[in-house]
Amino acid sequence: MFDWKDLIDILLTATMLFYLYRIMKDSGSLNIFVGVLAFFITWVVLYKIFEMKLVGTIMDKFIDIGLFIMVILFQDQIKRFLIGLGSHRGLGFISRVFRHDKDDASSRKWILPVVYACMSMSKSKTGALLVIQKDMPLIDYENTGDMIDANINTRLIENIFFKNSPLHDGALIIEGGKIKSAGCILPVSHDTDLPRHLGLRHRSALGIAQATDAIAIVVSEETGNISYAYKGELHIKLSSTELEHALSEIAE
């Protein structure tokens, strides 16, 4: 007989599948999710419904091994998901009790200097890649570059990405209202849906947006176009006003 426990069971299962779908989509591995789901449904039909014990037992072993392999392959996405649960977005009403108004103000003060710098570099077609940390730590990526730990300043950002600067080829990471590191190496996205004319900076921006919850902003050296990546999605050819509006919404 169907009761409230069965309803909760169905809702929890649906929630788990939804979050797994989001993790796979953000990481560009949606086909893997579809394949795993199809394999699981086949296992349920053969083993549980039709009671084909031999085939079901073999598939059962594959599921055990497959889950272990998936944990290894998607450890970054799983870590990102768990950090999201404990972040201010996952436990919003609890964290707001311990956060102060000045924290909200400091979380937004980087927007205008960054937008102004991107506007200037866009006009001069100076290539740039900026990453703004949110909830997930970026210490592993910061350590691949040179530590700066300086206040955010439009001129400083422009000088870092000046063509003759030794740090202009890497990424600049902003954390807690400060420029923490520059010349950093980021993971590269292998998403096949990206247009071919987009270069390594755009793929690196999408890569860090797939691996973490950070915001990555790109200024194209070839066209001067401004783009940003967030939550596994790349938004291209933005005006300075559109960039400021998007960053303001994300920072809320």
Protein backbone atom coordinates (compact mmCIF):
# COMPACT_ATOMS: atom_id res chain seq x y z
CA MET A 1 0.00 0.00 0.00
CA PHE A 2 1.29 3.42 -1.00
CA ASP A 3 1.88 5.73 1.99
CA TRP A 4 3.79 8.90 2.91
CA LYS A 5 7.07 6.99 3.31
CA ASP A 6 6.89 5.87 -0.32
CA LEU A 7 6.23 9.47 -1.37
CA ILE A 8 9.29 10.71 0.54
CA ASP A 9 11.35 7.87 -0.96
CA ILE A 10 10.33 8.89 -4.49
CA LEU A 11 11.01 12.58 -3.83
CA LEU A 12 14.48 11.87 -2.39
CA THR A 13 15.36 9.65 -5.33
CA ALA A 14 14.17 12.28 -7.81
CA THR A 15 16.19 14.95 -6.00
CA MET A 16 19.35 12.83 -6.10
CA LEU A 17 18.90 12.17 -9.82
CA PHE A 18 18.29 15.87 -10.48
CA TYR A 19 21.49 16.95 -8.71
CA LEU A 20 23.45 14.18 -10.43
CA TYR A 21 22.07 15.46 -13.74
CA ARG A 22 23.22 18.99 -12.90
CA ILE A 23 26.71 17.82 -11.94
CA MET A 24 27.07 15.92 -15.20
CA LYS A 25 25.68 18.80 -17.25
CA ASP A 26 28.01 21.37 -15.66
CA SER A 27 31.01 19.10 -16.26
CA GLY A 28 30.07 18.47 -19.90
CA SER A 29 29.43 14.77 -19.21
CA LEU A 30 25.70 14.59 -19.81
CA ASN A 31 26.06 11.59 -22.14
CA ILE A 32 27.63 9.62 -19.29
CA PHE A 33 24.64 10.42 -17.07
CA VAL A 34 22.22 9.19 -19.76
CA GLY A 35 24.25 6.00 -20.24
CA VAL A 36 24.45 5.27 -16.51
CA LEU A 37 20.72 5.92 -16.08
CA ALA A 38 19.88 3.59 -18.99
CA PHE A 39 22.13 0.87 -17.53
CA PHE A 40 20.50 1.23 -14.11
CA ILE A 41 16.97 1.04 -15.54
CA THR A 42 17.93 -2.07 -17.51
CA TRP A 43 19.34 -3.65 -14.33
CA VAL A 44 16.11 -2.93 -12.41
CA VAL A 45 13.90 -4.35 -15.18
CA LEU A 46 15.94 -7.55 -15.67
CA TYR A 47 16.89 -8.29 -12.06
CA LYS A 48 14.03 -6.94 -9.99
CA ILE A 49 11.03 -7.28 -12.30
CA PHE A 50 11.79 -10.26 -14.54
CA GLU A 51 14.04 -11.89 -11.91
CA MET A 52 16.80 -12.86 -14.35
CA LYS A 53 19.27 -13.68 -11.60
CA LEU A 54 22.36 -14.53 -13.67
CA VAL A 55 22.26 -11.42 -15.86
CA GLY A 56 21.14 -9.31 -12.90
CA THR A 57 24.03 -10.51 -10.72
CA ILE A 58 26.59 -9.71 -13.43
CA MET A 59 25.12 -6.23 -13.93
CA ASP A 60 25.03 -5.78 -10.15
CA LYS A 61 28.82 -6.26 -10.03
CA PHE A 62 29.26 -3.76 -12.85
CA ILE A 63 27.20 -1.20 -10.91
CA ASP A 64 29.38 -1.64 -7.80
CA ILE A 65 32.57 -1.14 -9.80
CA GLY A 66 31.02 1.66 -11.87
CA LEU A 67 30.07 3.71 -8.82
CA PHE A 68 33.63 3.48 -7.51
CA ILE A 69 35.05 4.57 -10.88
CA MET A 70 32.62 7.48 -11.13
CA VAL A 71 33.66 8.76 -7.71
CA ILE A 72 37.27 8.82 -8.93
CA LEU A 73 36.46 10.43 -12.29
CA PHE A 74 34.14 13.10 -10.89
CA GLN A 75 35.77 13.84 -7.56
CA ASP A 76 36.07 17.56 -8.39
CA GLN A 77 32.38 17.84 -9.29
CA ILE A 78 31.37 15.89 -6.18
CA LYS A 79 33.55 18.14 -4.02
CA ARG A 80 31.94 21.18 -5.62
CA PHE A 81 28.47 19.80 -4.91
CA LEU A 82 29.26 19.09 -1.24
CA ILE A 83 30.80 22.54 -0.77
CA GLY A 84 27.66 24.01 -2.33
CA LEU A 85 25.52 22.23 0.26
CA GLY A 86 27.50 23.82 3.08
CA SER A 87 27.75 27.23 1.46
CA HIS A 88 25.58 30.26 2.13
CA ARG A 89 23.42 29.22 -0.84
CA GLY A 90 22.87 25.74 0.49
CA LEU A 91 22.18 26.77 4.08
CA GLY A 92 21.16 30.36 3.47
CA PHE A 93 18.97 31.04 6.47
CA ILE A 94 21.61 29.67 8.88
CA SER A 95 24.63 31.41 7.40
CA ARG A 96 22.87 34.81 7.27
CA VAL A 97 22.73 34.77 11.07
CA PHE A 98 26.53 34.66 11.23
CA ARG A 99 27.26 36.98 8.29
CA HIS A 100 27.48 40.76 8.57
CA ASP A 101 26.31 43.51 6.23
CA LYS A 102 29.90 44.53 5.59
CA ASP A 103 30.56 41.06 4.15
CA ASP A 104 27.85 41.67 1.54
CA ALA A 105 29.35 45.06 0.69
CA SER A 106 32.88 43.68 0.34
CA SER A 107 31.62 40.88 -1.88
CA ARG A 108 30.53 43.48 -4.45
CA LYS A 109 33.33 46.04 -4.34
CA TRP A 110 35.37 44.20 -6.98
CA ILE A 111 32.70 44.61 -9.65
CA LEU A 112 33.30 48.17 -10.87
CA PRO A 113 37.14 48.02 -10.96
CA VAL A 114 36.93 44.74 -12.87
CA VAL A 115 34.35 46.09 -15.33
CA TYR A 116 36.37 49.26 -15.94
CA ALA A 117 39.52 47.22 -16.52
CA CYS A 118 37.70 44.93 -18.95
CA MET A 119 36.32 47.96 -20.82
CA SER A 120 39.81 49.43 -21.21
CA MET A 121 41.40 46.13 -22.25
CA SER A 122 38.56 45.48 -24.68
CA LYS A 123 39.24 48.78 -26.47
CA SER A 124 42.97 48.03 -26.76
CA LYS A 125 42.36 44.32 -27.56
CA THR A 126 44.44 43.20 -24.61
CA GLY A 127 43.80 39.55 -23.80
CA ALA A 128 42.82 38.84 -20.20
CA LEU A 129 41.42 36.09 -17.98
CA LEU A 130 40.09 36.95 -14.51
CA VAL A 131 38.65 34.48 -12.00
CA ILE A 132 36.55 35.59 -9.01
CA GLN A 133 36.29 33.08 -6.19
CA LYS A 134 32.90 32.44 -4.62
CA ASP A 135 32.35 29.66 -2.07
CA MET A 136 34.73 26.99 -3.33
CA PRO A 137 38.43 27.57 -2.46
CA LEU A 138 40.82 28.09 -5.38
CA ILE A 139 44.07 27.61 -3.47
CA ASP A 140 45.27 24.83 -5.77
CA TYR A 141 44.99 27.15 -8.76
CA GLU A 142 46.43 30.15 -6.90
CA ASN A 143 49.57 28.17 -6.14
CA THR A 144 50.28 27.66 -9.85
CA GLY A 145 50.91 31.39 -10.27
CA ASP A 146 52.67 34.23 -8.46
CA MET A 147 51.12 35.43 -5.20
CA ILE A 148 50.26 39.15 -5.18
CA ASP A 149 47.75 39.76 -2.35
CA ALA A 150 46.98 43.34 -3.42
CA ASN A 151 43.86 45.49 -3.29
CA ILE A 152 41.75 45.45 -6.42
CA ASN A 153 42.70 48.29 -8.72
CA THR A 154 41.78 48.90 -12.36
CA ARG A 155 45.29 50.08 -13.32
CA LEU A 156 46.90 47.10 -11.59
CA ILE A 157 44.70 44.67 -13.50
CA GLU A 158 45.57 46.38 -16.79
CA ASN A 159 49.30 46.30 -16.00
CA ILE A 160 49.19 42.59 -15.16
CA PHE A 161 47.68 41.80 -18.58
CA PHE A 162 49.87 44.27 -20.51
CA LYS A 163 51.37 42.37 -23.45
CA ASN A 164 54.95 42.69 -22.20
CA SER A 165 54.08 41.62 -18.66
CA PRO A 166 55.44 38.19 -17.62
CA LEU A 167 52.03 37.38 -16.05
CA HIS A 168 49.75 38.30 -18.95
CA ASP A 169 49.38 34.75 -20.31
CA GLY A 170 47.92 33.24 -17.13
CA ALA A 171 44.79 33.88 -15.10
CA LEU A 172 44.32 36.46 -12.35
CA ILE A 173 42.44 35.21 -9.27
CA ILE A 174 40.41 37.53 -7.03
CA GLU A 175 39.45 36.35 -3.57
CA GLY A 176 37.81 38.22 -0.71
CA GLY A 177 38.10 41.62 -2.36
CA LYS A 178 41.81 41.21 -3.18
CA ILE A 179 43.95 40.10 -6.11
CA LYS A 180 45.46 36.94 -4.66
CA SER A 181 47.50 35.55 -7.53
CA ALA A 182 48.35 36.09 -11.21
CA GLY A 183 49.80 33.99 -13.99
CA CYS A 184 47.75 31.01 -12.78
CA ILE A 185 47.10 27.81 -14.75
CA LEU A 186 43.47 26.71 -15.05
CA PRO A 187 41.85 23.44 -16.18
CA VAL A 188 40.87 23.44 -19.85
CA SER A 189 37.36 22.45 -20.92
CA HIS A 190 37.07 19.77 -23.58
CA ASP A 191 33.47 20.66 -24.40
CA THR A 192 32.99 19.93 -28.09
CA ASP A 193 30.08 22.39 -28.36
CA LEU A 194 32.35 25.43 -28.05
CA PRO A 195 32.74 27.43 -31.28
CA ARG A 196 36.09 26.80 -32.96
CA HIS A 197 37.03 30.47 -33.07
CA LEU A 198 37.21 30.61 -29.26
CA GLY A 199 40.74 30.15 -27.97
CA LEU A 200 42.51 28.78 -24.93
CA ARG A 201 41.40 31.59 -22.62
CA HIS A 202 37.74 30.83 -23.26
CA ARG A 203 38.29 27.10 -22.79
CA SER A 204 40.14 27.77 -19.53
CA ALA A 205 37.34 30.06 -18.34
CA LEU A 206 34.76 27.37 -19.06
CA GLY A 207 37.03 24.75 -17.48
CA ILE A 208 37.28 26.56 -14.12
CA ALA A 209 33.52 27.29 -14.24
CA GLN A 210 32.86 23.57 -14.68
CA ALA A 211 35.27 22.50 -11.93
CA THR A 212 34.30 25.17 -9.35
CA ASP A 213 31.62 27.77 -8.62
CA ALA A 214 33.93 30.63 -9.60
CA ILE A 215 33.18 33.35 -12.16
CA ALA A 216 35.68 33.59 -15.03
CA ILE A 217 35.84 36.71 -17.24
CA VAL A 218 37.61 36.73 -20.61
CA VAL A 219 38.73 39.60 -22.84
CA SER A 220 39.57 38.35 -26.32
CA GLU A 221 42.95 39.40 -27.70
CA GLU A 222 41.75 38.95 -31.29
CA THR A 223 38.39 40.74 -31.18
CA GLY A 224 38.27 42.59 -27.86
CA ASN A 225 34.97 40.87 -27.03
CA ILE A 226 34.12 40.38 -23.35
CA SER A 227 32.76 37.03 -22.15
CA TYR A 228 32.21 35.28 -18.85
CA ALA A 229 31.74 31.68 -17.69
CA TYR A 230 29.69 30.62 -14.68
CA LYS A 231 28.13 27.31 -13.59
CA GLY A 232 29.46 25.52 -16.63
CA GLU A 233 28.02 27.98 -19.14
CA LEU A 234 29.86 30.49 -21.33
CA HIS A 235 28.27 33.86 -22.19
CA ILE A 236 30.02 35.66 -25.04
CA LYS A 237 30.11 39.11 -26.66
CA LEU A 238 28.87 41.20 -23.73
CA SER A 239 28.84 44.97 -23.42
CA SER A 240 30.30 46.55 -20.28
CA THR A 241 26.75 47.27 -19.05
CA GLU A 242 25.68 43.66 -19.59
CA LEU A 243 28.81 42.43 -17.79
CA GLU A 244 28.20 44.70 -14.79
CA HIS A 245 24.54 43.62 -14.60
CA ALA A 246 25.44 39.93 -14.82
CA LEU A 247 28.17 40.19 -12.16
CA SER A 248 25.87 42.12 -9.84
CA GLU A 249 23.23 39.40 -10.09
CA ILE A 250 25.78 36.63 -9.49
CA ALA A 251 27.25 38.43 -6.47
CA GLU A 252 23.85 38.71 -4.74
